[in-house]
Amino acid sequence: MTMKLLLLGILTALATGFLGSCTHVQSNLIGPAGVELATPCEHDKTTFRCVKYIRNYDADTITVEIPNIHPLLGENISVRVNGIDAPEMNGKNLCEKEAARTAQKLIESILKNAGRIDLNSVGRDKYFRVLADVSADGKLVKEILLNKELAYEYHGGTKPTIDWCRFTKP
């Protein structure tokens, strides 16, 4: 209970802007439909801009560092990608594990090579995990995975049965 109160206090401090914001501007990034992404790297209540990629366990869970936020709150922050579920690294069968490795490596490559990573619509899920729309150079990670059929739309509730073997065969 004490931990939940601490986290609630931390989130309140973030929401009120108590912890500051970054001012770095990254320019000449062009997103979908030619939209320029030269937005200042300033944070607000539901957006963290210009975060630094650290690693990703699988395709829908990444670890980032949020600039200009106290290290207690901004370093090694695990974030779940909103609106999808991806195959599990410790899946039920070999096909799911192969699909998980493929998806994990794809997201690792995209995020390692991104000029800019933003977390939008940041919130918490029912387990109090950080949940966000993750974008790399203006492209949503969720959409990349869905388009490559390495994830499926998921917004809670009963998970469907997915035949990951159909994705790992040539």
N, C-alpha and C. Protein backbone atom coordinates (compact mmCIF):
# COMPACT_ATOMS: atom_id res chain seq x y z
N MET A 1 0.82 -1.18 0.00
CA MET A 1 0.00 0.00 0.00
C MET A 1 0.87 1.25 0.00
N THR A 2 1.95 1.24 0.78
CA THR A 2 2.85 2.39 0.84
C THR A 2 3.46 2.66 -0.53
N MET A 3 3.83 1.59 -1.25
CA MET A 3 4.42 1.74 -2.59
C MET A 3 3.42 2.39 -3.54
N LYS A 4 2.14 1.99 -3.44
CA LYS A 4 1.13 2.59 -4.31
C LYS A 4 0.96 4.07 -4.01
N LEU A 5 1.00 4.43 -2.73
CA LEU A 5 0.89 5.84 -2.37
C LEU A 5 2.09 6.63 -2.86
N LEU A 6 3.28 6.03 -2.76
CA LEU A 6 4.49 6.68 -3.27
C LEU A 6 4.37 6.91 -4.77
N LEU A 7 3.95 5.87 -5.50
CA LEU A 7 3.82 6.00 -6.95
C LEU A 7 2.74 7.02 -7.31
N LEU A 8 1.65 7.03 -6.55
CA LEU A 8 0.60 8.02 -6.80
C LEU A 8 1.14 9.43 -6.60
N GLY A 9 1.95 9.64 -5.56
CA GLY A 9 2.57 10.94 -5.32
C GLY A 9 3.51 11.33 -6.44
N ILE A 10 4.27 10.36 -6.93
CA ILE A 10 5.21 10.61 -8.02
C ILE A 10 4.45 11.02 -9.28
N LEU A 11 3.38 10.27 -9.60
CA LEU A 11 2.59 10.61 -10.78
C LEU A 11 1.95 11.99 -10.64
N THR A 12 1.51 12.32 -9.45
CA THR A 12 0.93 13.65 -9.23
C THR A 12 1.98 14.73 -9.47
N ALA A 13 3.20 14.50 -8.99
CA ALA A 13 4.27 15.46 -9.21
C ALA A 13 4.57 15.62 -10.69
N LEU A 14 4.58 14.49 -11.42
CA LEU A 14 4.82 14.56 -12.86
C LEU A 14 3.70 15.34 -13.55
N ALA A 15 2.46 15.05 -13.17
CA ALA A 15 1.32 15.69 -13.82
C ALA A 15 1.29 17.19 -13.59
N THR A 16 1.79 17.65 -12.48
CA THR A 16 1.77 19.08 -12.21
C THR A 16 2.99 19.81 -12.73
N GLY A 17 3.89 19.06 -13.36
CA GLY A 17 5.07 19.69 -13.93
C GLY A 17 6.14 19.98 -12.91
N PHE A 18 6.03 19.43 -11.72
CA PHE A 18 6.97 19.67 -10.63
C PHE A 18 8.39 19.28 -10.99
N LEU A 19 8.56 18.26 -11.83
CA LEU A 19 9.89 17.74 -12.10
C LEU A 19 10.59 18.37 -13.29
N GLY A 20 9.97 19.32 -13.93
CA GLY A 20 10.66 20.03 -15.01
C GLY A 20 10.42 19.40 -16.37
N SER A 21 11.10 19.96 -17.37
CA SER A 21 10.99 19.45 -18.73
C SER A 21 12.29 19.70 -19.46
N CYS A 22 12.45 18.98 -20.57
CA CYS A 22 13.68 19.19 -21.33
C CYS A 22 13.42 20.22 -22.41
N THR A 23 14.47 20.81 -22.91
CA THR A 23 14.31 21.87 -23.90
C THR A 23 15.06 21.58 -25.18
N HIS A 24 15.66 20.42 -25.27
CA HIS A 24 16.41 20.05 -26.46
C HIS A 24 15.46 19.96 -27.66
N VAL A 25 15.86 20.50 -28.79
CA VAL A 25 15.05 20.43 -30.00
C VAL A 25 15.81 19.61 -31.02
N GLN A 26 15.13 18.59 -31.53
CA GLN A 26 15.71 17.77 -32.58
C GLN A 26 14.97 18.11 -33.86
N SER A 27 15.69 18.61 -34.86
CA SER A 27 15.01 19.08 -36.06
C SER A 27 15.27 18.16 -37.24
N ASN A 28 14.62 18.49 -38.33
CA ASN A 28 14.77 17.78 -39.60
C ASN A 28 14.30 16.34 -39.55
N LEU A 29 13.41 16.00 -38.64
CA LEU A 29 12.80 14.69 -38.63
C LEU A 29 11.45 14.82 -39.30
N ILE A 30 11.20 13.98 -40.27
CA ILE A 30 9.95 14.03 -41.00
C ILE A 30 9.17 12.75 -40.71
N GLY A 31 7.94 12.90 -40.26
CA GLY A 31 7.10 11.76 -39.93
C GLY A 31 6.17 11.42 -41.08
N PRO A 32 5.12 10.64 -40.79
CA PRO A 32 4.15 10.25 -41.82
C PRO A 32 3.55 11.46 -42.51
N ALA A 33 3.29 11.34 -43.78
CA ALA A 33 2.67 12.38 -44.61
C ALA A 33 3.49 13.66 -44.63
N GLY A 34 4.81 13.54 -44.43
CA GLY A 34 5.69 14.69 -44.53
C GLY A 34 5.58 15.68 -43.38
N VAL A 35 4.98 15.28 -42.26
CA VAL A 35 4.83 16.17 -41.11
C VAL A 35 6.17 16.29 -40.40
N GLU A 36 6.63 17.52 -40.21
CA GLU A 36 7.91 17.73 -39.53
C GLU A 36 7.76 17.47 -38.04
N LEU A 37 8.77 16.78 -37.48
CA LEU A 37 8.74 16.41 -36.07
C LEU A 37 9.67 17.27 -35.24
N ALA A 38 9.84 18.51 -35.60
CA ALA A 38 10.78 19.39 -34.91
C ALA A 38 10.15 20.00 -33.66
N THR A 39 9.30 19.22 -33.00
CA THR A 39 8.68 19.67 -31.76
C THR A 39 9.73 19.67 -30.66
N PRO A 40 9.76 20.69 -29.84
CA PRO A 40 10.72 20.69 -28.73
C PRO A 40 10.51 19.45 -27.86
N CYS A 41 11.59 19.02 -27.27
CA CYS A 41 11.54 17.83 -26.41
C CYS A 41 11.04 18.19 -25.02
N GLU A 42 9.85 18.75 -24.97
CA GLU A 42 9.25 19.14 -23.71
C GLU A 42 8.21 18.11 -23.30
N HIS A 43 8.17 17.81 -22.02
CA HIS A 43 7.21 16.85 -21.51
C HIS A 43 5.94 17.58 -21.08
N ASP A 44 4.83 16.86 -21.09
CA ASP A 44 3.60 17.39 -20.50
C ASP A 44 2.94 16.26 -19.70
N LYS A 45 1.69 16.42 -19.34
CA LYS A 45 1.04 15.46 -18.45
C LYS A 45 0.97 14.05 -19.01
N THR A 46 0.86 13.90 -20.31
CA THR A 46 0.70 12.56 -20.90
C THR A 46 1.72 12.25 -21.99
N THR A 47 2.75 13.08 -22.13
CA THR A 47 3.73 12.88 -23.19
C THR A 47 5.15 13.09 -22.68
N PHE A 48 6.02 12.15 -23.01
CA PHE A 48 7.45 12.30 -22.76
C PHE A 48 8.13 12.24 -24.12
N ARG A 49 8.79 13.32 -24.50
CA ARG A 49 9.42 13.41 -25.81
C ARG A 49 10.92 13.17 -25.70
N CYS A 50 11.49 12.64 -26.78
CA CYS A 50 12.94 12.45 -26.90
C CYS A 50 13.49 11.53 -25.81
N VAL A 51 12.78 10.44 -25.55
CA VAL A 51 13.29 9.49 -24.56
C VAL A 51 14.42 8.67 -25.18
N LYS A 52 15.26 8.13 -24.33
CA LYS A 52 16.41 7.34 -24.79
C LYS A 52 16.09 5.85 -24.64
N TYR A 53 16.24 5.13 -25.74
CA TYR A 53 16.04 3.68 -25.73
C TYR A 53 17.17 3.01 -24.96
N ILE A 54 16.82 2.10 -24.06
CA ILE A 54 17.80 1.32 -23.32
C ILE A 54 17.81 -0.12 -23.82
N ARG A 55 16.65 -0.76 -23.81
CA ARG A 55 16.53 -2.16 -24.26
C ARG A 55 15.05 -2.49 -24.40
N ASN A 56 14.80 -3.66 -24.95
CA ASN A 56 13.43 -4.18 -24.95
C ASN A 56 13.47 -5.67 -24.68
N TYR A 57 12.62 -6.08 -23.75
CA TYR A 57 12.56 -7.49 -23.39
C TYR A 57 11.91 -8.28 -24.52
N ASP A 58 10.81 -7.77 -25.02
CA ASP A 58 10.11 -8.38 -26.14
C ASP A 58 9.63 -7.25 -27.04
N ALA A 59 8.65 -7.50 -27.88
CA ALA A 59 8.22 -6.46 -28.81
C ALA A 59 7.30 -5.42 -28.19
N ASP A 60 6.61 -5.78 -27.12
CA ASP A 60 5.66 -4.83 -26.55
C ASP A 60 6.05 -4.31 -25.17
N THR A 61 7.28 -4.57 -24.75
CA THR A 61 7.79 -4.02 -23.49
C THR A 61 9.19 -3.47 -23.71
N ILE A 62 9.33 -2.16 -23.54
CA ILE A 62 10.62 -1.52 -23.75
C ILE A 62 11.08 -0.84 -22.46
N THR A 63 12.36 -0.56 -22.38
CA THR A 63 12.92 0.18 -21.24
C THR A 63 13.56 1.44 -21.79
N VAL A 64 13.23 2.57 -21.17
CA VAL A 64 13.72 3.86 -21.65
C VAL A 64 14.26 4.69 -20.49
N GLU A 65 14.95 5.75 -20.87
CA GLU A 65 15.38 6.79 -19.94
C GLU A 65 14.70 8.07 -20.38
N ILE A 66 14.06 8.75 -19.44
CA ILE A 66 13.35 9.99 -19.74
C ILE A 66 14.24 11.15 -19.34
N PRO A 67 14.66 11.99 -20.31
CA PRO A 67 15.58 13.08 -20.00
C PRO A 67 14.95 14.14 -19.09
N ASN A 68 15.82 14.73 -18.29
CA ASN A 68 15.44 15.84 -17.40
C ASN A 68 14.34 15.49 -16.41
N ILE A 69 14.31 14.23 -16.03
CA ILE A 69 13.43 13.76 -14.96
C ILE A 69 14.34 13.15 -13.91
N HIS A 70 14.03 13.34 -12.66
CA HIS A 70 14.85 12.79 -11.58
C HIS A 70 15.14 11.31 -11.87
N PRO A 71 16.39 10.85 -11.67
CA PRO A 71 16.75 9.46 -11.97
C PRO A 71 15.84 8.41 -11.34
N LEU A 72 15.32 8.69 -10.16
CA LEU A 72 14.42 7.75 -9.51
C LEU A 72 13.19 7.48 -10.37
N LEU A 73 12.77 8.47 -11.13
CA LEU A 73 11.56 8.37 -11.94
C LEU A 73 11.83 8.26 -13.43
N GLY A 74 13.03 8.63 -13.86
CA GLY A 74 13.28 8.71 -15.29
C GLY A 74 14.27 7.70 -15.85
N GLU A 75 14.94 6.93 -15.00
CA GLU A 75 15.92 5.96 -15.50
C GLU A 75 15.37 4.54 -15.43
N ASN A 76 15.68 3.76 -16.47
CA ASN A 76 15.26 2.35 -16.54
C ASN A 76 13.77 2.18 -16.30
N ILE A 77 12.98 2.93 -17.05
CA ILE A 77 11.53 2.88 -16.94
C ILE A 77 10.99 1.88 -17.96
N SER A 78 10.31 0.87 -17.47
CA SER A 78 9.70 -0.14 -18.33
C SER A 78 8.35 0.39 -18.83
N VAL A 79 8.13 0.29 -20.14
CA VAL A 79 6.92 0.82 -20.77
C VAL A 79 6.31 -0.26 -21.66
N ARG A 80 5.01 -0.49 -21.50
CA ARG A 80 4.28 -1.40 -22.37
C ARG A 80 3.69 -0.59 -23.53
N VAL A 81 3.77 -1.17 -24.73
CA VAL A 81 3.20 -0.53 -25.91
C VAL A 81 1.68 -0.67 -25.84
N ASN A 82 0.98 0.45 -25.93
CA ASN A 82 -0.46 0.48 -25.80
C ASN A 82 -1.17 -0.14 -27.00
N GLY A 83 -2.22 -0.91 -26.72
CA GLY A 83 -3.13 -1.37 -27.76
C GLY A 83 -2.76 -2.63 -28.49
N ILE A 84 -1.70 -3.32 -28.06
CA ILE A 84 -1.30 -4.56 -28.72
C ILE A 84 -0.85 -5.61 -27.71
N ASP A 85 -0.81 -6.84 -28.18
CA ASP A 85 -0.12 -7.91 -27.47
C ASP A 85 0.74 -8.61 -28.51
N ALA A 86 1.96 -8.90 -28.14
CA ALA A 86 2.92 -9.54 -29.05
C ALA A 86 3.22 -10.94 -28.51
N PRO A 87 3.80 -11.78 -29.36
CA PRO A 87 4.15 -13.13 -28.89
C PRO A 87 5.12 -13.07 -27.72
N GLU A 88 5.02 -14.07 -26.85
CA GLU A 88 5.81 -14.10 -25.63
C GLU A 88 7.14 -14.81 -25.84
N MET A 89 8.20 -14.24 -25.26
CA MET A 89 9.54 -14.85 -25.36
C MET A 89 9.55 -16.24 -24.72
N ASN A 90 8.78 -16.44 -23.69
CA ASN A 90 8.66 -17.75 -23.04
C ASN A 90 7.31 -18.35 -23.40
N GLY A 91 6.99 -18.31 -24.69
CA GLY A 91 5.70 -18.76 -25.18
C GLY A 91 5.44 -20.23 -24.99
N LYS A 92 4.22 -20.62 -25.38
CA LYS A 92 3.76 -21.99 -25.19
C LYS A 92 4.37 -22.98 -26.16
N ASN A 93 4.82 -22.48 -27.32
CA ASN A 93 5.39 -23.41 -28.31
C ASN A 93 6.53 -22.74 -29.06
N LEU A 94 7.24 -23.52 -29.84
CA LEU A 94 8.42 -23.03 -30.55
C LEU A 94 8.06 -21.91 -31.53
N CYS A 95 6.92 -22.04 -32.20
CA CYS A 95 6.52 -21.00 -33.17
C CYS A 95 6.32 -19.64 -32.49
N GLU A 96 5.68 -19.65 -31.33
CA GLU A 96 5.47 -18.38 -30.62
C GLU A 96 6.81 -17.80 -30.18
N LYS A 97 7.71 -18.64 -29.72
CA LYS A 97 9.03 -18.17 -29.29
C LYS A 97 9.81 -17.59 -30.47
N GLU A 98 9.72 -18.23 -31.65
CA GLU A 98 10.40 -17.71 -32.85
C GLU A 98 9.79 -16.37 -33.27
N ALA A 99 8.46 -16.29 -33.26
CA ALA A 99 7.79 -15.03 -33.62
C ALA A 99 8.18 -13.93 -32.62
N ALA A 100 8.29 -14.29 -31.35
CA ALA A 100 8.68 -13.32 -30.32
C ALA A 100 10.09 -12.80 -30.56
N ARG A 101 11.01 -13.69 -30.91
CA ARG A 101 12.39 -13.26 -31.18
C ARG A 101 12.44 -12.35 -32.41
N THR A 102 11.69 -12.71 -33.45
CA THR A 102 11.64 -11.89 -34.67
C THR A 102 11.11 -10.49 -34.35
N ALA A 103 10.01 -10.43 -33.62
CA ALA A 103 9.40 -9.15 -33.26
C ALA A 103 10.32 -8.34 -32.35
N GLN A 104 10.95 -9.00 -31.39
CA GLN A 104 11.85 -8.32 -30.45
C GLN A 104 13.03 -7.71 -31.20
N LYS A 105 13.61 -8.46 -32.12
CA LYS A 105 14.77 -7.95 -32.88
C LYS A 105 14.36 -6.79 -33.79
N LEU A 106 13.17 -6.87 -34.38
CA LEU A 106 12.68 -5.78 -35.23
C LEU A 106 12.54 -4.49 -34.42
N ILE A 107 11.89 -4.57 -33.28
CA ILE A 107 11.70 -3.37 -32.45
C ILE A 107 13.03 -2.86 -31.92
N GLU A 108 13.92 -3.76 -31.54
CA GLU A 108 15.25 -3.35 -31.08
C GLU A 108 15.97 -2.55 -32.17
N SER A 109 15.93 -3.04 -33.40
CA SER A 109 16.59 -2.36 -34.51
C SER A 109 15.96 -0.99 -34.77
N ILE A 110 14.65 -0.93 -34.79
CA ILE A 110 13.95 0.33 -35.04
C ILE A 110 14.29 1.36 -33.97
N LEU A 111 14.22 0.96 -32.71
CA LEU A 111 14.43 1.91 -31.62
C LEU A 111 15.90 2.29 -31.47
N LYS A 112 16.81 1.36 -31.71
CA LYS A 112 18.24 1.69 -31.63
C LYS A 112 18.64 2.71 -32.68
N ASN A 113 18.00 2.63 -33.84
CA ASN A 113 18.36 3.49 -34.96
C ASN A 113 17.48 4.73 -35.10
N ALA A 114 16.52 4.88 -34.23
CA ALA A 114 15.61 6.03 -34.31
C ALA A 114 16.32 7.32 -33.93
N GLY A 115 16.02 8.38 -34.65
CA GLY A 115 16.54 9.69 -34.31
C GLY A 115 15.79 10.29 -33.13
N ARG A 116 14.55 9.85 -32.95
CA ARG A 116 13.72 10.39 -31.87
C ARG A 116 12.67 9.37 -31.47
N ILE A 117 12.50 9.20 -30.16
CA ILE A 117 11.48 8.31 -29.62
C ILE A 117 10.62 9.12 -28.67
N ASP A 118 9.31 9.04 -28.85
CA ASP A 118 8.37 9.74 -27.98
C ASP A 118 7.40 8.74 -27.36
N LEU A 119 6.95 9.05 -26.15
CA LEU A 119 5.90 8.30 -25.47
C LEU A 119 4.69 9.22 -25.37
N ASN A 120 3.60 8.84 -26.02
CA ASN A 120 2.39 9.64 -26.04
C ASN A 120 1.26 8.91 -25.32
N SER A 121 0.27 9.65 -24.87
CA SER A 121 -0.88 9.08 -24.15
C SER A 121 -0.43 8.17 -23.02
N VAL A 122 0.54 8.64 -22.25
CA VAL A 122 1.11 7.84 -21.17
C VAL A 122 0.10 7.70 -20.03
N GLY A 123 -0.03 6.49 -19.55
CA GLY A 123 -0.92 6.21 -18.43
C GLY A 123 -0.49 4.93 -17.73
N ARG A 124 -1.40 4.38 -16.96
CA ARG A 124 -1.16 3.13 -16.25
C ARG A 124 -2.24 2.12 -16.63
N ASP A 125 -1.85 0.84 -16.68
CA ASP A 125 -2.85 -0.19 -16.92
C ASP A 125 -3.39 -0.71 -15.58
N LYS A 126 -4.23 -1.73 -15.62
CA LYS A 126 -4.86 -2.20 -14.39
C LYS A 126 -3.86 -2.81 -13.41
N TYR A 127 -2.67 -3.17 -13.90
CA TYR A 127 -1.61 -3.69 -13.03
C TYR A 127 -0.63 -2.59 -12.62
N PHE A 128 -0.95 -1.34 -12.96
CA PHE A 128 -0.16 -0.15 -12.62
C PHE A 128 1.13 -0.06 -13.44
N ARG A 129 1.21 -0.80 -14.54
CA ARG A 129 2.37 -0.69 -15.43
C ARG A 129 2.22 0.58 -16.27
N VAL A 130 3.36 1.17 -16.66
CA VAL A 130 3.33 2.33 -17.55
C VAL A 130 2.93 1.85 -18.93
N LEU A 131 1.97 2.52 -19.53
CA LEU A 131 1.43 2.17 -20.84
C LEU A 131 1.51 3.41 -21.71
N ALA A 132 1.95 3.27 -22.97
CA ALA A 132 2.08 4.45 -23.83
C ALA A 132 2.02 4.07 -25.30
N ASP A 133 1.65 5.05 -26.12
CA ASP A 133 1.80 4.94 -27.57
C ASP A 133 3.24 5.33 -27.85
N VAL A 134 4.04 4.37 -28.28
CA VAL A 134 5.47 4.58 -28.51
C VAL A 134 5.68 4.89 -29.98
N SER A 135 6.37 6.00 -30.27
CA SER A 135 6.67 6.32 -31.66
C SER A 135 8.17 6.48 -31.85
N ALA A 136 8.64 6.01 -32.99
CA ALA A 136 10.04 6.15 -33.39
C ALA A 136 10.06 6.93 -34.69
N ASP A 137 10.66 8.11 -34.66
CA ASP A 137 10.70 9.00 -35.83
C ASP A 137 9.30 9.21 -36.41
N GLY A 138 8.32 9.34 -35.53
CA GLY A 138 6.95 9.63 -35.94
C GLY A 138 6.12 8.43 -36.32
N LYS A 139 6.69 7.24 -36.31
CA LYS A 139 5.94 6.03 -36.67
C LYS A 139 5.60 5.25 -35.41
N LEU A 140 4.34 4.87 -35.27
CA LEU A 140 3.91 4.13 -34.09
C LEU A 140 4.44 2.70 -34.12
N VAL A 141 5.09 2.29 -33.04
CA VAL A 141 5.60 0.92 -32.92
C VAL A 141 4.45 -0.07 -33.06
N LYS A 142 3.32 0.27 -32.49
CA LYS A 142 2.12 -0.58 -32.58
C LYS A 142 1.78 -0.88 -34.03
N GLU A 143 1.73 0.15 -34.87
CA GLU A 143 1.36 -0.02 -36.27
C GLU A 143 2.39 -0.85 -37.04
N ILE A 144 3.66 -0.66 -36.73
CA ILE A 144 4.72 -1.44 -37.38
C ILE A 144 4.50 -2.92 -37.10
N LEU A 145 4.27 -3.26 -35.84
CA LEU A 145 4.07 -4.66 -35.46
C LEU A 145 2.79 -5.24 -36.05
N LEU A 146 1.71 -4.46 -36.05
CA LEU A 146 0.45 -4.93 -36.62
C LEU A 146 0.59 -5.17 -38.12
N ASN A 147 1.23 -4.24 -38.83
CA ASN A 147 1.40 -4.38 -40.28
C ASN A 147 2.24 -5.59 -40.66
N LYS A 148 3.19 -5.97 -39.81
CA LYS A 148 4.03 -7.13 -40.07
C LYS A 148 3.45 -8.40 -39.45
N GLU A 149 2.25 -8.29 -38.89
CA GLU A 149 1.55 -9.40 -38.24
C GLU A 149 2.40 -10.05 -37.14
N LEU A 150 3.11 -9.20 -36.40
CA LEU A 150 3.92 -9.67 -35.27
C LEU A 150 3.29 -9.26 -33.93
N ALA A 151 2.04 -8.84 -34.00
CA ALA A 151 1.26 -8.51 -32.81
C ALA A 151 -0.21 -8.47 -33.25
N TYR A 152 -1.09 -8.43 -32.27
CA TYR A 152 -2.51 -8.27 -32.57
C TYR A 152 -3.07 -7.20 -31.64
N GLU A 153 -4.16 -6.58 -32.10
CA GLU A 153 -4.80 -5.53 -31.29
C GLU A 153 -5.30 -6.15 -29.99
N TYR A 154 -5.03 -5.46 -28.91
CA TYR A 154 -5.47 -5.96 -27.60
C TYR A 154 -5.71 -4.77 -26.68
N HIS A 155 -6.90 -4.73 -26.10
CA HIS A 155 -7.25 -3.64 -25.19
C HIS A 155 -7.83 -4.19 -23.89
N GLY A 156 -7.33 -5.34 -23.48
CA GLY A 156 -7.79 -5.97 -22.24
C GLY A 156 -8.81 -7.05 -22.52
N GLY A 157 -9.16 -7.77 -21.49
CA GLY A 157 -10.14 -8.84 -21.62
C GLY A 157 -9.48 -10.16 -22.00
N THR A 158 -10.30 -11.07 -22.51
CA THR A 158 -9.82 -12.40 -22.88
C THR A 158 -8.95 -12.31 -24.12
N LYS A 159 -7.78 -12.93 -24.04
CA LYS A 159 -6.87 -12.93 -25.19
C LYS A 159 -7.28 -14.02 -26.17
N PRO A 160 -7.21 -13.71 -27.47
CA PRO A 160 -7.55 -14.72 -28.47
C PRO A 160 -6.44 -15.77 -28.59
N THR A 161 -6.79 -16.91 -29.15
CA THR A 161 -5.78 -17.93 -29.44
C THR A 161 -5.16 -17.58 -30.79
N ILE A 162 -3.85 -17.42 -30.81
CA ILE A 162 -3.14 -17.03 -32.03
C ILE A 162 -2.26 -18.19 -32.48
N ASP A 163 -2.33 -18.52 -33.77
CA ASP A 163 -1.44 -19.55 -34.32
C ASP A 163 -0.20 -18.85 -34.84
N TRP A 164 0.82 -18.72 -33.99
CA TRP A 164 2.05 -18.03 -34.37
C TRP A 164 2.83 -18.82 -35.41
N CYS A 165 2.53 -20.10 -35.60
CA CYS A 165 3.25 -20.91 -36.60
C CYS A 165 3.01 -20.38 -38.01
N ARG A 166 1.85 -19.82 -38.26
CA ARG A 166 1.58 -19.30 -39.61
C ARG A 166 2.47 -18.12 -39.96
N PHE A 167 3.05 -17.45 -38.95
CA PHE A 167 3.91 -16.30 -39.20
C PHE A 167 5.37 -16.68 -39.34
N THR A 168 5.75 -17.87 -38.89
CA THR A 168 7.16 -18.25 -38.91
C THR A 168 7.49 -19.17 -40.07
N LYS A 169 6.49 -19.53 -40.88
CA LYS A 169 6.76 -20.38 -42.04
C LYS A 169 6.95 -19.51 -43.27
N PRO A 170 7.88 -19.92 -44.17
CA PRO A 170 8.15 -19.12 -45.38
C PRO A 170 6.97 -19.04 -46.32
